[in-house]
Protein backbone atom coordinates (compact mmCIF):
# COMPACT_ATOMS: atom_id res chain seq x y z
CA UNK A 1 -11.32 8.20 1.54
CA UNK A 2 -8.89 7.64 4.35
CA UNK A 3 -6.03 5.16 4.17
CA UNK A 4 -3.13 4.88 6.58
CA UNK A 5 -0.11 3.34 4.92
CA UNK A 6 2.99 2.51 6.93
CA UNK A 7 6.09 1.37 5.11
CA UNK A 8 9.68 0.73 5.89
CA UNK A 9 12.41 -0.45 3.63
CA UNK A 10 14.11 -3.41 5.26
CA UNK A 11 17.00 -3.92 2.83
CA UNK A 12 18.03 -3.20 -0.75
CA UNK A 13 15.25 -5.23 -2.38
CA UNK A 14 12.54 -5.47 0.27
CA UNK A 15 9.89 -3.39 2.02
CA UNK A 16 7.33 -4.02 4.75
CA UNK A 17 3.93 -2.41 4.01
CA UNK A 18 0.93 -2.11 6.33
CA UNK A 19 -2.36 -0.65 5.02
CA UNK A 20 -5.38 0.26 7.17
CA UNK A 21 -8.77 1.78 6.22
CA UNK A 22 -9.62 4.66 8.61
CA UNK A 23 -12.83 6.20 7.26
CA UNK A 24 -16.38 5.52 8.36
CA UNK A 25 -18.17 3.06 6.17
CA UNK A 26 -17.12 -0.14 4.51
CA UNK A 27 -15.19 -0.79 1.32
CA UNK A 28 -15.09 -4.09 -0.55
CA UNK A 29 -12.74 -6.36 -2.49
CA UNK A 30 -9.56 -4.83 -1.07
CA UNK A 31 -6.29 -6.31 -2.29
CA UNK A 32 -2.61 -5.61 -2.75
CA UNK A 33 -1.44 -6.97 -6.08
CA UNK A 34 2.15 -7.54 -7.17
CA UNK A 35 3.24 -6.91 -10.76
CA UNK A 36 5.89 -8.96 -12.56
CA UNK A 37 9.17 -8.87 -10.65
CA UNK A 38 7.63 -8.09 -7.23
CA UNK A 39 6.85 -10.92 -4.82
CA UNK A 40 4.85 -11.08 -1.59
CA UNK A 41 7.41 -12.79 0.68
CA UNK A 42 5.09 -12.97 3.69
CA UNK A 43 1.73 -11.48 4.50
CA UNK A 44 -1.22 -11.29 6.85
CA UNK A 45 -3.61 -11.79 3.96
CA UNK A 46 -3.26 -9.45 1.00
CA UNK A 47 -6.98 -9.74 0.18
CA UNK A 48 -10.04 -8.67 2.17
CA UNK A 49 -13.64 -9.22 1.05
CA UNK A 50 -14.66 -6.16 3.06
CA UNK A 51 -12.84 -3.67 5.23
CA UNK A 52 -13.82 -0.95 7.69
CA UNK A 53 -12.01 1.04 10.37
CA UNK A 54 -12.27 -1.91 12.80
CA UNK A 55 -10.71 -4.42 10.39
CA UNK A 56 -7.19 -5.75 10.76
CA UNK A 57 -4.67 -4.05 8.52
CA UNK A 58 -3.34 -5.70 5.41
CA UNK A 59 0.24 -6.43 6.35
CA UNK A 60 2.86 -7.73 3.92
CA UNK A 61 6.54 -7.96 3.19
CA UNK A 62 7.48 -7.50 -0.45
CA UNK A 63 10.70 -8.25 -2.30
CA UNK A 64 11.58 -7.35 -5.86
CA UNK A 65 14.00 -8.76 -8.42
CA UNK A 66 17.42 -7.21 -8.64
CA UNK A 67 17.61 -4.69 -11.46
CA UNK A 68 13.86 -3.94 -11.41
CA UNK A 69 13.42 -0.19 -11.76
CA UNK A 70 10.68 1.45 -9.69
CA UNK A 71 9.11 -1.57 -7.97
CA UNK A 72 5.54 -1.05 -6.77
CA UNK A 73 2.42 -2.82 -5.58
CA UNK A 74 -1.15 -1.84 -6.38
CA UNK A 75 -3.77 -1.29 -3.69
CA UNK A 76 -7.25 -1.90 -5.19
CA UNK A 77 -10.72 -1.58 -3.66
CA UNK A 78 -14.38 -1.04 -4.51
CA UNK A 79 -16.16 1.94 -2.98
CA UNK A 80 -19.80 2.65 -3.81
CA UNK A 81 -19.63 0.32 -6.80
CA UNK A 82 -16.59 2.08 -8.31
CA UNK A 83 -13.28 0.27 -8.72
CA UNK A 84 -10.37 2.36 -7.36
CA UNK A 85 -6.65 1.81 -7.11
CA UNK A 86 -3.51 3.37 -5.69
CA UNK A 87 0.05 2.63 -6.80
CA UNK A 88 2.43 2.25 -3.86
CA UNK A 89 6.11 2.64 -4.74
CA UNK A 90 8.46 0.37 -2.82
CA UNK A 91 11.88 1.75 -3.70
CA UNK A 92 11.85 5.39 -2.58
CA UNK A 93 14.19 6.34 0.21
CA UNK A 94 12.84 9.69 1.36
CA UNK A 95 12.89 10.19 5.12
CA UNK A 96 9.50 11.75 5.77
CA UNK A 97 5.80 11.06 5.36
CA UNK A 98 3.37 13.13 3.35
CA UNK A 99 -0.32 13.85 3.59
CA UNK A 100 -2.23 13.58 0.33
CA UNK A 101 -5.56 14.96 -0.82
CA UNK A 102 -8.89 13.25 -0.16
CA UNK A 103 -7.72 11.89 3.17
CA UNK A 104 -5.13 9.45 1.83
CA UNK A 105 -2.39 9.57 4.42
CA UNK A 106 0.99 7.93 4.27
CA UNK A 107 2.92 7.37 7.44
CA UNK A 108 6.46 6.04 7.53
CA UNK A 109 7.71 3.37 9.88
CA UNK A 110 9.67 4.60 12.87
CA UNK A 111 12.04 1.66 13.19
CA UNK A 112 15.74 2.15 12.43
CA UNK A 113 15.53 0.85 8.86
CA UNK A 114 15.90 2.82 5.66
CA UNK A 115 12.45 4.47 5.31
CA UNK A 116 10.34 4.39 2.16
CA UNK A 117 7.97 7.06 0.92
CA UNK A 118 5.06 5.67 -1.01
CA UNK A 119 3.89 7.53 -4.08
CA UNK A 120 0.85 7.21 -6.29
CA UNK A 121 -2.41 8.65 -7.54
CA UNK A 122 -5.32 8.50 -5.11
CA UNK A 123 -8.72 7.36 -6.20
CA UNK A 124 -7.76 6.68 -9.79
CA UNK A 125 -10.35 4.45 -11.33
CA UNK A 126 -9.06 1.21 -12.72
CA UNK A 127 -9.68 0.49 -16.38
CA UNK A 128 -12.49 -2.04 -16.44
């Protein structure tokens, strides 16, 4: 699996997130879902029927309600018939990116905003 995730915190209750599939092969039913208290303020389509390395990135701006602790969005996809998901935290303020196992890579935005480090568990199967 190989995801590139770019994120930058734009203000106290908002983050811009861009997610791109980088591996060979195609994945299906890709979406970014918002839980209660998190809202997609603008997006370039948070759902893709299929995605490969040539596909446009999923690009969205997310805001969360004041007082919400640990806001996140969930990246979900189907790979080889298995439903997978990754939790992407929106509220972290660490200033560096990290490389995770299994090719999941997180890259932080380089603009002069407060950066966000995304955290989660890669490849965790969703309860079906």
